[in-house]
Amino acid sequence: MEIPDDSPGSFGVRVRGPNPFQASTSISYRLASPGVVRIDVVDTQGRAVHGETTSWLAAGEHEWRWNGRDASGRGLAGGVYWCRVSSSEGSRQAVRLLLLGR
């Protein structure tokens, strides 16, 4: 697990919170250069439970909100999930999320 580099112009991902969460949480990410971003949420077994690709984004700070639901809109069981953020420039980082039972 990498620690995000906080210097301007670098790629970085962090949980804005809350974490643990019950209803939703926010992920903040910084792009070093413009591009497309892929966001995937996976369970502890590495199975994808939610994913989306953005349109073209400018370099800089962006935020993504996840409501603890799978790609079909069904609420997921409480537990640990990983949010992986990948940029079209090849940068990639993951942050750990703890979804509380509903």
PDB file of N, CA and C in Angstrom:
ATOM      1  N   MET A   1       0.841  -1.169   0.000  1.00  0.00           N
ATOM      2  CA  MET A   1       0.000   0.000   0.000  1.00  0.00           C
ATOM      3  C   MET A   1       0.886   1.231   0.000  1.00  0.00           C
ATOM      4  N   GLU A   2       0.741   2.078  -0.982  1.00  0.00           N
ATOM      5  CA  GLU A   2       1.541   3.285  -1.062  1.00  0.00           C
ATOM      6  C   GLU A   2       0.919   4.397  -0.241  1.00  0.00           C
ATOM      7  N   ILE A   3       1.744   5.245   0.298  1.00  0.00           N
ATOM      8  CA  ILE A   3       1.270   6.454   0.954  1.00  0.00           C
ATOM      9  C   ILE A   3       1.237   7.536  -0.118  1.00  0.00           C
ATOM     10  N   PRO A   4       0.086   8.198  -0.292  1.00  0.00           N
ATOM     11  CA  PRO A   4      -0.001   9.212  -1.350  1.00  0.00           C
ATOM     12  C   PRO A   4       1.037  10.315  -1.175  1.00  0.00           C
ATOM     13  N   ASP A   5       1.622  10.717  -2.277  1.00  0.00           N
ATOM     14  CA  ASP A   5       2.561  11.828  -2.299  1.00  0.00           C
ATOM     15  C   ASP A   5       1.742  13.108  -2.311  1.00  0.00           C
ATOM     16  N   ASP A   6       1.930  13.991  -1.323  1.00  0.00           N
ATOM     17  CA  ASP A   6       1.137  15.208  -1.219  1.00  0.00           C
ATOM     18  C   ASP A   6       1.717  16.388  -1.995  1.00  0.00           C
ATOM     19  N   SER A   7       2.778  16.163  -2.737  1.00  0.00           N
ATOM     20  CA  SER A   7       3.347  17.280  -3.478  1.00  0.00           C
ATOM     21  C   SER A   7       2.469  17.620  -4.681  1.00  0.00           C
ATOM     22  N   PRO A   8       2.383  18.917  -5.015  1.00  0.00           N
ATOM     23  CA  PRO A   8       1.575  19.316  -6.167  1.00  0.00           C
ATOM     24  C   PRO A   8       2.040  18.604  -7.427  1.00  0.00           C
ATOM     25  N   GLY A   9       1.111  18.260  -8.284  1.00  0.00           N
ATOM     26  CA  GLY A   9       1.457  17.616  -9.541  1.00  0.00           C
ATOM     27  C   GLY A   9       1.666  16.123  -9.442  1.00  0.00           C
ATOM     28  N   SER A  10       1.355  15.516  -8.283  1.00  0.00           N
ATOM     29  CA  SER A  10       1.534  14.080  -8.133  1.00  0.00           C
ATOM     30  C   SER A  10       0.168  13.391  -8.049  1.00  0.00           C
ATOM     31  N   PHE A  11       0.144  12.113  -8.350  1.00  0.00           N
ATOM     32  CA  PHE A  11      -1.071  11.316  -8.240  1.00  0.00           C
ATOM     33  C   PHE A  11      -1.235  10.885  -6.792  1.00  0.00           C
ATOM     34  N   GLY A  12      -2.452  10.941  -6.277  1.00  0.00           N
ATOM     35  CA  GLY A  12      -2.689  10.515  -4.905  1.00  0.00           C
ATOM     36  C   GLY A  12      -4.155  10.191  -4.674  1.00  0.00           C
ATOM     37  N   VAL A  13      -4.412   9.281  -3.746  1.00  0.00           N
ATOM     38  CA  VAL A  13      -5.778   8.863  -3.403  1.00  0.00           C
ATOM     39  C   VAL A  13      -5.887   8.817  -1.891  1.00  0.00           C
ATOM     40  N   ARG A  14      -7.021   9.300  -1.361  1.00  0.00           N
ATOM     41  CA  ARG A  14      -7.251   9.204   0.081  1.00  0.00           C
ATOM     42  C   ARG A  14      -8.748   9.154   0.354  1.00  0.00           C
ATOM     43  N   VAL A  15      -9.088   8.637   1.515  1.00  0.00           N
ATOM     44  CA  VAL A  15     -10.485   8.606   1.943  1.00  0.00           C
ATOM     45  C   VAL A  15     -10.780   9.928   2.629  1.00  0.00           C
ATOM     46  N   ARG A  16     -11.767  10.636   2.133  1.00  0.00           N
ATOM     47  CA  ARG A  16     -12.183  11.882   2.787  1.00  0.00           C
ATOM     48  C   ARG A  16     -13.099  11.577   3.965  1.00  0.00           C
ATOM     49  N   GLY A  17     -13.814  10.475   3.870  1.00  0.00           N
ATOM     50  CA  GLY A  17     -14.610  10.023   4.998  1.00  0.00           C
ATOM     51  C   GLY A  17     -16.095  10.138   4.777  1.00  0.00           C
ATOM     52  N   PRO A  18     -16.808   9.637   5.709  1.00  0.00           N
ATOM     53  CA  PRO A  18     -16.310   8.934   6.889  1.00  0.00           C
ATOM     54  C   PRO A  18     -15.782   7.544   6.539  1.00  0.00           C
ATOM     55  N   ASN A  19     -14.979   7.010   7.424  1.00  0.00           N
ATOM     56  CA  ASN A  19     -14.468   5.651   7.270  1.00  0.00           C
ATOM     57  C   ASN A  19     -14.072   5.141   8.656  1.00  0.00           C
ATOM     58  N   PRO A  20     -14.826   4.228   9.235  1.00  0.00           N
ATOM     59  CA  PRO A  20     -15.902   3.406   8.677  1.00  0.00           C
ATOM     60  C   PRO A  20     -17.143   4.248   8.344  1.00  0.00           C
ATOM     61  N   PHE A  21     -17.979   3.672   7.464  1.00  0.00           N
ATOM     62  CA  PHE A  21     -19.179   4.369   7.034  1.00  0.00           C
ATOM     63  C   PHE A  21     -20.364   3.424   6.961  1.00  0.00           C
ATOM     64  N   GLN A  22     -21.553   4.014   6.952  1.00  0.00           N
ATOM     65  CA  GLN A  22     -22.759   3.211   6.849  1.00  0.00           C
ATOM     66  C   GLN A  22     -23.568   3.575   5.605  1.00  0.00           C
ATOM     67  N   ALA A  23     -23.760   4.847   5.359  1.00  0.00           N
ATOM     68  CA  ALA A  23     -24.579   5.277   4.221  1.00  0.00           C
ATOM     69  C   ALA A  23     -23.739   5.551   2.972  1.00  0.00           C
ATOM     70  N   SER A  24     -22.672   6.331   3.104  1.00  0.00           N
ATOM     71  CA  SER A  24     -21.796   6.631   1.977  1.00  0.00           C
ATOM     72  C   SER A  24     -20.480   7.200   2.492  1.00  0.00           C
ATOM     73  N   THR A  25     -19.504   7.200   1.604  1.00  0.00           N
ATOM     74  CA  THR A  25     -18.188   7.756   1.920  1.00  0.00           C
ATOM     75  C   THR A  25     -17.637   8.438   0.676  1.00  0.00           C
ATOM     76  N   SER A  26     -16.652   9.293   0.858  1.00  0.00           N
ATOM     77  CA  SER A  26     -16.041  10.022  -0.257  1.00  0.00           C
ATOM     78  C   SER A  26     -14.567   9.671  -0.389  1.00  0.00           C
ATOM     79  N   ILE A  27     -14.144   9.528  -1.631  1.00  0.00           N
ATOM     80  CA  ILE A  27     -12.755   9.270  -1.975  1.00  0.00           C
ATOM     81  C   ILE A  27     -12.259  10.490  -2.732  1.00  0.00           C
ATOM     82  N   SER A  28     -11.120  11.014  -2.332  1.00  0.00           N
ATOM     83  CA  SER A  28     -10.514  12.148  -3.017  1.00  0.00           C
ATOM     84  C   SER A  28      -9.300  11.628  -3.778  1.00  0.00           C
ATOM     85  N   TYR A  29      -9.135  12.109  -4.998  1.00  0.00           N
ATOM     86  CA  TYR A  29      -7.947  11.719  -5.759  1.00  0.00           C
ATOM     87  C   TYR A  29      -7.420  12.920  -6.535  1.00  0.00           C
ATOM     88  N   ARG A  30      -6.118  12.907  -6.725  1.00  0.00           N
ATOM     89  CA  ARG A  30      -5.432  13.993  -7.411  1.00  0.00           C
ATOM     90  C   ARG A  30      -4.746  13.422  -8.643  1.00  0.00           C
ATOM     91  N   LEU A  31      -4.998  14.054  -9.787  1.00  0.00           N
ATOM     92  CA  LEU A  31      -4.363  13.650 -11.040  1.00  0.00           C
ATOM     93  C   LEU A  31      -3.177  14.558 -11.333  1.00  0.00           C
ATOM     94  N   ALA A  32      -2.071  13.964 -11.682  1.00  0.00           N
ATOM     95  CA  ALA A  32      -0.880  14.731 -12.033  1.00  0.00           C
ATOM     96  C   ALA A  32      -1.024  15.360 -13.415  1.00  0.00           C
ATOM     97  N   SER A  33      -1.785  14.716 -14.284  1.00  0.00           N
ATOM     98  CA  SER A  33      -2.015  15.244 -15.626  1.00  0.00           C
ATOM     99  C   SER A  33      -3.437  14.876 -16.048  1.00  0.00           C
ATOM    100  N   PRO A  34      -3.986  15.563 -17.040  1.00  0.00           N
ATOM    101  CA  PRO A  34      -5.355  15.264 -17.472  1.00  0.00           C
ATOM    102  C   PRO A  34      -5.479  13.829 -17.966  1.00  0.00           C
ATOM    103  N   GLY A  35      -6.675  13.274 -17.829  1.00  0.00           N
ATOM    104  CA  GLY A  35      -6.882  11.914 -18.326  1.00  0.00           C
ATOM    105  C   GLY A  35      -8.187  11.314 -17.857  1.00  0.00           C
ATOM    106  N   VAL A  36      -8.315  10.044 -18.099  1.00  0.00           N
ATOM    107  CA  VAL A  36      -9.485   9.261 -17.722  1.00  0.00           C
ATOM    108  C   VAL A  36      -9.128   8.467 -16.478  1.00  0.00           C
ATOM    109  N   VAL A  37     -10.095   8.278 -15.596  1.00  0.00           N
ATOM    110  CA  VAL A  37      -9.867   7.551 -14.349  1.00  0.00           C
ATOM    111  C   VAL A  37     -10.818   6.363 -14.276  1.00  0.00           C
ATOM    112  N   ARG A  38     -10.303   5.241 -13.824  1.00  0.00           N
ATOM    113  CA  ARG A  38     -11.113   4.045 -13.558  1.00  0.00           C
ATOM    114  C   ARG A  38     -11.135   3.848 -12.051  1.00  0.00           C
ATOM    115  N   ILE A  39     -12.349   3.712 -11.492  1.00  0.00           N
ATOM    116  CA  ILE A  39     -12.516   3.482 -10.065  1.00  0.00           C
ATOM    117  C   ILE A  39     -13.199   2.134  -9.888  1.00  0.00           C
ATOM    118  N   ASP A  40     -12.578   1.248  -9.126  1.00  0.00           N
ATOM    119  CA  ASP A  40     -13.132  -0.073  -8.854  1.00  0.00           C
ATOM    120  C   ASP A  40     -13.175  -0.302  -7.358  1.00  0.00           C
ATOM    121  N   VAL A  41     -14.293  -0.839  -6.887  1.00  0.00           N
ATOM    122  CA  VAL A  41     -14.401  -1.279  -5.504  1.00  0.00           C
ATOM    123  C   VAL A  41     -14.399  -2.798  -5.542  1.00  0.00           C
ATOM    124  N   VAL A  42     -13.499  -3.403  -4.760  1.00  0.00           N
ATOM    125  CA  VAL A  42     -13.385  -4.853  -4.719  1.00  0.00           C
ATOM    126  C   VAL A  42     -13.507  -5.333  -3.278  1.00  0.00           C
ATOM    127  N   ASP A  43     -13.973  -6.568  -3.125  1.00  0.00           N
ATOM    128  CA  ASP A  43     -14.061  -7.142  -1.780  1.00  0.00           C
ATOM    129  C   ASP A  43     -12.710  -7.733  -1.397  1.00  0.00           C
ATOM    130  N   THR A  44     -12.633  -8.340  -0.228  1.00  0.00           N
ATOM    131  CA  THR A  44     -11.349  -8.867   0.251  1.00  0.00           C
ATOM    132  C   THR A  44     -10.859 -10.065  -0.555  1.00  0.00           C
ATOM    133  N   GLN A  45     -11.739 -10.657  -1.353  1.00  0.00           N
ATOM    134  CA  GLN A  45     -11.346 -11.767  -2.227  1.00  0.00           C
ATOM    135  C   GLN A  45     -10.876 -11.275  -3.596  1.00  0.00           C
ATOM    136  N   GLY A  46     -10.921  -9.943  -3.804  1.00  0.00           N
ATOM    137  CA  GLY A  46     -10.499  -9.370  -5.078  1.00  0.00           C
ATOM    138  C   GLY A  46     -11.592  -9.328  -6.130  1.00  0.00           C
ATOM    139  N   ARG A  47     -12.824  -9.675  -5.749  1.00  0.00           N
ATOM    140  CA  ARG A  47     -13.945  -9.644  -6.701  1.00  0.00           C
ATOM    141  C   ARG A  47     -14.471  -8.224  -6.831  1.00  0.00           C
ATOM    142  N   ALA A  48     -14.633  -7.771  -8.065  1.00  0.00           N
ATOM    143  CA  ALA A  48     -15.165  -6.434  -8.310  1.00  0.00           C
ATOM    144  C   ALA A  48     -16.639  -6.387  -7.909  1.00  0.00           C
ATOM    145  N   VAL A  49     -17.002  -5.383  -7.123  1.00  0.00           N
ATOM    146  CA  VAL A  49     -18.398  -5.220  -6.716  1.00  0.00           C
ATOM    147  C   VAL A  49     -19.003  -3.951  -7.303  1.00  0.00           C
ATOM    148  N   HIS A  50     -18.164  -2.994  -7.663  1.00  0.00           N
ATOM    149  CA  HIS A  50     -18.638  -1.756  -8.272  1.00  0.00           C
ATOM    150  C   HIS A  50     -17.494  -1.150  -9.071  1.00  0.00           C
ATOM    151  N   GLY A  51     -17.807  -0.551 -10.189  1.00  0.00           N
ATOM    152  CA  GLY A  51     -16.772   0.092 -10.981  1.00  0.00           C
ATOM    153  C   GLY A  51     -17.358   1.095 -11.939  1.00  0.00           C
ATOM    154  N   GLU A  52     -16.571   2.098 -12.238  1.00  0.00           N
ATOM    155  CA  GLU A  52     -16.975   3.081 -13.238  1.00  0.00           C
ATOM    156  C   GLU A  52     -15.751   3.783 -13.791  1.00  0.00           C
ATOM    157  N   THR A  53     -15.934   4.315 -14.982  1.00  0.00           N
ATOM    158  CA  THR A  53     -14.883   5.062 -15.660  1.00  0.00           C
ATOM    159  C   THR A  53     -15.378   6.483 -15.870  1.00  0.00           C
ATOM    160  N   THR A  54     -14.517   7.451 -15.591  1.00  0.00           N
ATOM    161  CA  THR A  54     -14.900   8.853 -15.750  1.00  0.00           C
ATOM    162  C   THR A  54     -14.726   9.291 -17.197  1.00  0.00           C
ATOM    163  N   SER A  55     -15.256  10.440 -17.507  1.00  0.00           N
ATOM    164  CA  SER A  55     -14.924  11.095 -18.765  1.00  0.00           C
ATOM    165  C   SER A  55     -13.570  11.779 -18.558  1.00  0.00           C
ATOM    166  N   TRP A  56     -13.107  12.487 -19.541  1.00  0.00           N
ATOM    167  CA  TRP A  56     -11.813  13.165 -19.468  1.00  0.00           C
ATOM    168  C   TRP A  56     -11.840  14.177 -18.330  1.00  0.00           C
ATOM    169  N   LEU A  57     -10.832  14.131 -17.457  1.00  0.00           N
ATOM    170  CA  LEU A  57     -10.751  15.045 -16.313  1.00  0.00           C
ATOM    171  C   LEU A  57      -9.473  15.865 -16.381  1.00  0.00           C
ATOM    172  N   ALA A  58      -9.547  17.079 -15.880  1.00  0.00           N
ATOM    173  CA  ALA A  58      -8.371  17.951 -15.799  1.00  0.00           C
ATOM    174  C   ALA A  58      -7.451  17.460 -14.687  1.00  0.00           C
ATOM    175  N   ALA A  59      -6.208  17.842 -14.757  1.00  0.00           N
ATOM    176  CA  ALA A  59      -5.279  17.569 -13.657  1.00  0.00           C
ATOM    177  C   ALA A  59      -5.780  18.293 -12.418  1.00  0.00           C
ATOM    178  N   GLY A  60      -5.491  17.742 -11.254  1.00  0.00           N
ATOM    179  CA  GLY A  60      -5.894  18.369 -10.009  1.00  0.00           C
ATOM    180  C   GLY A  60      -6.763  17.465  -9.161  1.00  0.00           C
ATOM    181  N   GLU A  61      -7.423  18.056  -8.158  1.00  0.00           N
ATOM    182  CA  GLU A  61      -8.234  17.324  -7.179  1.00  0.00           C
ATOM    183  C   GLU A  61      -9.624  16.987  -7.721  1.00  0.00           C
ATOM    184  N   HIS A  62     -10.072  15.770  -7.396  1.00  0.00           N
ATOM    185  CA  HIS A  62     -11.412  15.309  -7.764  1.00  0.00           C
ATOM    186  C   HIS A  62     -11.958  14.481  -6.605  1.00  0.00           C
ATOM    187  N   GLU A  63     -13.263  14.293  -6.585  1.00  0.00           N
ATOM    188  CA  GLU A  63     -13.881  13.514  -5.516  1.00  0.00           C
ATOM    189  C   GLU A  63     -14.906  12.556  -6.099  1.00  0.00           C
ATOM    190  N   TRP A  64     -14.995  11.380  -5.477  1.00  0.00           N
ATOM    191  CA  TRP A  64     -15.959  10.356  -5.882  1.00  0.00           C
ATOM    192  C   TRP A  64     -16.660   9.853  -4.634  1.00  0.00           C
ATOM    193  N   ARG A  65     -17.964   9.685  -4.722  1.00  0.00           N
ATOM    194  CA  ARG A  65     -18.764   9.237  -3.583  1.00  0.00           C
ATOM    195  C   ARG A  65     -19.293   7.833  -3.869  1.00  0.00           C
ATOM    196  N   TRP A  66     -19.191   6.959  -2.849  1.00  0.00           N
ATOM    197  CA  TRP A  66     -19.707   5.588  -2.977  1.00  0.00           C
ATOM    198  C   TRP A  66     -20.718   5.337  -1.882  1.00  0.00           C
ATOM    199  N   ASN A  67     -21.845   4.741  -2.279  1.00  0.00           N
ATOM    200  CA  ASN A  67     -22.958   4.512  -1.351  1.00  0.00           C
ATOM    201  C   ASN A  67     -23.020   3.092  -0.787  1.00  0.00           C
ATOM    202  N   GLY A  68     -21.968   2.321  -0.924  1.00  0.00           N
ATOM    203  CA  GLY A  68     -21.945   0.972  -0.360  1.00  0.00           C
ATOM    204  C   GLY A  68     -22.812  -0.020  -1.113  1.00  0.00           C
ATOM    205  N   ARG A  69     -23.072   0.277  -2.378  1.00  0.00           N
ATOM    206  CA  ARG A  69     -23.907  -0.608  -3.207  1.00  0.00           C
ATOM    207  C   ARG A  69     -23.088  -1.195  -4.350  1.00  0.00           C
ATOM    208  N   ASP A  70     -23.557  -2.351  -4.842  1.00  0.00           N
ATOM    209  CA  ASP A  70     -22.860  -2.979  -5.961  1.00  0.00           C
ATOM    210  C   ASP A  70     -23.278  -2.326  -7.273  1.00  0.00           C
ATOM    211  N   ALA A  71     -22.783  -2.847  -8.376  1.00  0.00           N
ATOM    212  CA  ALA A  71     -23.059  -2.286  -9.695  1.00  0.00           C
ATOM    213  C   ALA A  71     -24.540  -2.347 -10.061  1.00  0.00           C
ATOM    214  N   SER A  72     -25.288  -3.252  -9.440  1.00  0.00           N
ATOM    215  CA  SER A  72     -26.722  -3.377  -9.713  1.00  0.00           C
ATOM    216  C   SER A  72     -27.571  -2.543  -8.759  1.00  0.00           C
ATOM    217  N   GLY A  73     -26.934  -1.856  -7.822  1.00  0.00           N
ATOM    218  CA  GLY A  73     -27.665  -1.022  -6.877  1.00  0.00           C
ATOM    219  C   GLY A  73     -28.069  -1.721  -5.587  1.00  0.00           C
ATOM    220  N   ARG A  74     -27.653  -2.973  -5.421  1.00  0.00           N
ATOM    221  CA  ARG A  74     -27.974  -3.703  -4.192  1.00  0.00           C
ATOM    222  C   ARG A  74     -27.004  -3.327  -3.085  1.00  0.00           C
ATOM    223  N   GLY A  75     -27.526  -3.162  -1.870  1.00  0.00           N
ATOM    224  CA  GLY A  75     -26.679  -2.877  -0.716  1.00  0.00           C
ATOM    225  C   GLY A  75     -25.764  -4.051  -0.423  1.00  0.00           C
ATOM    226  N   LEU A  76     -24.525  -3.767  -0.110  1.00  0.00           N
ATOM    227  CA  LEU A  76     -23.548  -4.811   0.182  1.00  0.00           C
ATOM    228  C   LEU A  76     -23.482  -5.093   1.674  1.00  0.00           C
ATOM    229  N   ALA A  77     -23.012  -6.280   2.015  1.00  0.00           N
ATOM    230  CA  ALA A  77     -22.820  -6.665   3.412  1.00  0.00           C
ATOM    231  C   ALA A  77     -21.714  -5.821   4.021  1.00  0.00           C
ATOM    232  N   GLY A  78     -21.798  -5.615   5.322  1.00  0.00           N
ATOM    233  CA  GLY A  78     -20.739  -4.900   6.016  1.00  0.00           C
ATOM    234  C   GLY A  78     -19.427  -5.662   5.903  1.00  0.00           C
ATOM    235  N   GLY A  79     -18.330  -4.938   5.902  1.00  0.00           N
ATOM    236  CA  GLY A  79     -17.021  -5.570   5.823  1.00  0.00           C
ATOM    237  C   GLY A  79     -16.000  -4.640   5.197  1.00  0.00           C
ATOM    238  N   VAL A  80     -14.831  -5.192   4.907  1.00  0.00           N
ATOM    239  CA  VAL A  80     -13.731  -4.433   4.320  1.00  0.00           C
ATOM    240  C   VAL A  80     -13.815  -4.501   2.804  1.00  0.00           C
ATOM    241  N   TYR A  81     -13.633  -3.364   2.179  1.00  0.00           N
ATOM    242  CA  TYR A  81     -13.586  -3.248   0.716  1.00  0.00           C
ATOM    243  C   TYR A  81     -12.384  -2.387   0.363  1.00  0.00           C
ATOM    244  N   TRP A  82     -11.914  -2.532  -0.849  1.00  0.00           N
ATOM    245  CA  TRP A  82     -10.798  -1.725  -1.349  1.00  0.00           C
ATOM    246  C   TRP A  82     -11.283  -0.907  -2.528  1.00  0.00           C
ATOM    247  N   CYS A  83     -10.944   0.369  -2.533  1.00  0.00           N
ATOM    248  CA  CYS A  83     -11.258   1.245  -3.655  1.00  0.00           C
ATOM    249  C   CYS A  83      -9.955   1.495  -4.408  1.00  0.00           C
ATOM    250  N   ARG A  84      -9.914   1.003  -5.658  1.00  0.00           N
ATOM    251  CA  ARG A  84      -8.723   1.183  -6.495  1.00  0.00           C
ATOM    252  C   ARG A  84      -8.991   2.290  -7.507  1.00  0.00           C
ATOM    253  N   VAL A  85      -8.096   3.250  -7.561  1.00  0.00           N
ATOM    254  CA  VAL A  85      -8.207   4.350  -8.511  1.00  0.00           C
ATOM    255  C   VAL A  85      -7.027   4.246  -9.466  1.00  0.00           C
ATOM    256  N   SER A  86      -7.329   4.175 -10.770  1.00  0.00           N
ATOM    257  CA  SER A  86      -6.292   4.040 -11.793  1.00  0.00           C
ATOM    258  C   SER A  86      -6.448   5.158 -12.811  1.00  0.00           C
ATOM    259  N   SER A  87      -5.346   5.795 -13.164  1.00  0.00           N
ATOM    260  CA  SER A  87      -5.396   6.867 -14.162  1.00  0.00           C
ATOM    261  C   SER A  87      -4.915   6.342 -15.507  1.00  0.00           C
ATOM    262  N   SER A  88      -5.319   7.035 -16.567  1.00  0.00           N
ATOM    263  CA  SER A  88      -4.901   6.625 -17.909  1.00  0.00           C
ATOM    264  C   SER A  88      -3.406   6.815 -18.123  1.00  0.00           C
ATOM    265  N   GLU A  89      -2.751   7.572 -17.246  1.00  0.00           N
ATOM    266  CA  GLU A  89      -1.297   7.748 -17.351  1.00  0.00           C
ATOM    267  C   GLU A  89      -0.537   6.590 -16.718  1.00  0.00           C
ATOM    268  N   GLY A  90      -1.267   5.659 -16.071  1.00  0.00           N
ATOM    269  CA  GLY A  90      -0.634   4.482 -15.496  1.00  0.00           C
ATOM    270  C   GLY A  90      -0.488   4.481 -13.988  1.00  0.00           C
ATOM    271  N   SER A  91      -0.858   5.574 -13.322  1.00  0.00           N
ATOM    272  CA  SER A  91      -0.784   5.607 -11.861  1.00  0.00           C
ATOM    273  C   SER A  91      -1.944   4.827 -11.268  1.00  0.00           C
ATOM    274  N   ARG A  92      -1.691   4.222 -10.093  1.00  0.00           N
ATOM    275  CA  ARG A  92      -2.733   3.415  -9.456  1.00  0.00           C
ATOM    276  C   ARG A  92      -2.484   3.346  -7.955  1.00  0.00           C
ATOM    277  N   GLN A  93      -3.560   3.541  -7.183  1.00  0.00           N
ATOM    278  CA  GLN A  93      -3.469   3.396  -5.733  1.00  0.00           C
ATOM    279  C   GLN A  93      -4.797   2.859  -5.231  1.00  0.00           C
ATOM    280  N   ALA A  94      -4.752   2.248  -4.053  1.00  0.00           N
ATOM    281  CA  ALA A  94      -5.960   1.719  -3.414  1.00  0.00           C
ATOM    282  C   ALA A  94      -6.046   2.214  -1.980  1.00  0.00           C
ATOM    283  N   VAL A  95      -7.271   2.389  -1.522  1.00  0.00           N
ATOM    284  CA  VAL A  95      -7.510   2.745  -0.118  1.00  0.00           C
ATOM    285  C   VAL A  95      -8.512   1.754   0.458  1.00  0.00           C
ATOM    286  N   ARG A  96      -8.375   1.500   1.753  1.00  0.00           N
ATOM    287  CA  ARG A  96      -9.223   0.536   2.456  1.00  0.00           C
ATOM    288  C   ARG A  96     -10.464   1.239   2.984  1.00  0.00           C
ATOM    289  N   LEU A  97     -11.622   0.600   2.789  1.00  0.00           N
ATOM    290  CA  LEU A  97     -12.899   1.127   3.259  1.00  0.00           C
ATOM    291  C   LEU A  97     -13.548   0.108   4.175  1.00  0.00           C
ATOM    292  N   LEU A  98     -14.203   0.580   5.230  1.00  0.00           N
ATOM    293  CA  LEU A  98     -14.915  -0.314   6.135  1.00  0.00           C
ATOM    294  C   LEU A  98     -16.390   0.068   6.128  1.00  0.00           C
ATOM    295  N   LEU A  99     -17.191  -0.781   5.501  1.00  0.00           N
ATOM    296  CA  LEU A  99     -18.633  -0.596   5.442  1.00  0.00           C
ATOM    297  C   LEU A  99     -19.251  -1.280   6.643  1.00  0.00           C
ATOM    298  N   LEU A 100     -19.976  -0.492   7.446  1.00  0.00           N
ATOM    299  CA  LEU A 100     -20.644  -1.048   8.621  1.00  0.00           C
ATOM    300  C   LEU A 100     -21.942  -1.727   8.198  1.00  0.00           C
ATOM    301  N   GLY A 101     -22.361  -2.744   8.931  1.00  0.00           N
ATOM    302  CA  GLY A 101     -23.618  -3.434   8.621  1.00  0.00           C
ATOM    303  C   GLY A 101     -24.781  -2.470   8.688  1.00  0.00           C
ATOM    304  N   ARG A 102     -25.776  -2.721   7.861  1.00  0.00           N
ATOM    305  CA  ARG A 102     -26.949  -1.846   7.808  1.00  0.00           C
ATOM    306  C   ARG A 102     -28.059  -2.368   8.662  1.00  0.00           C
TER     307      ARG A 102
END
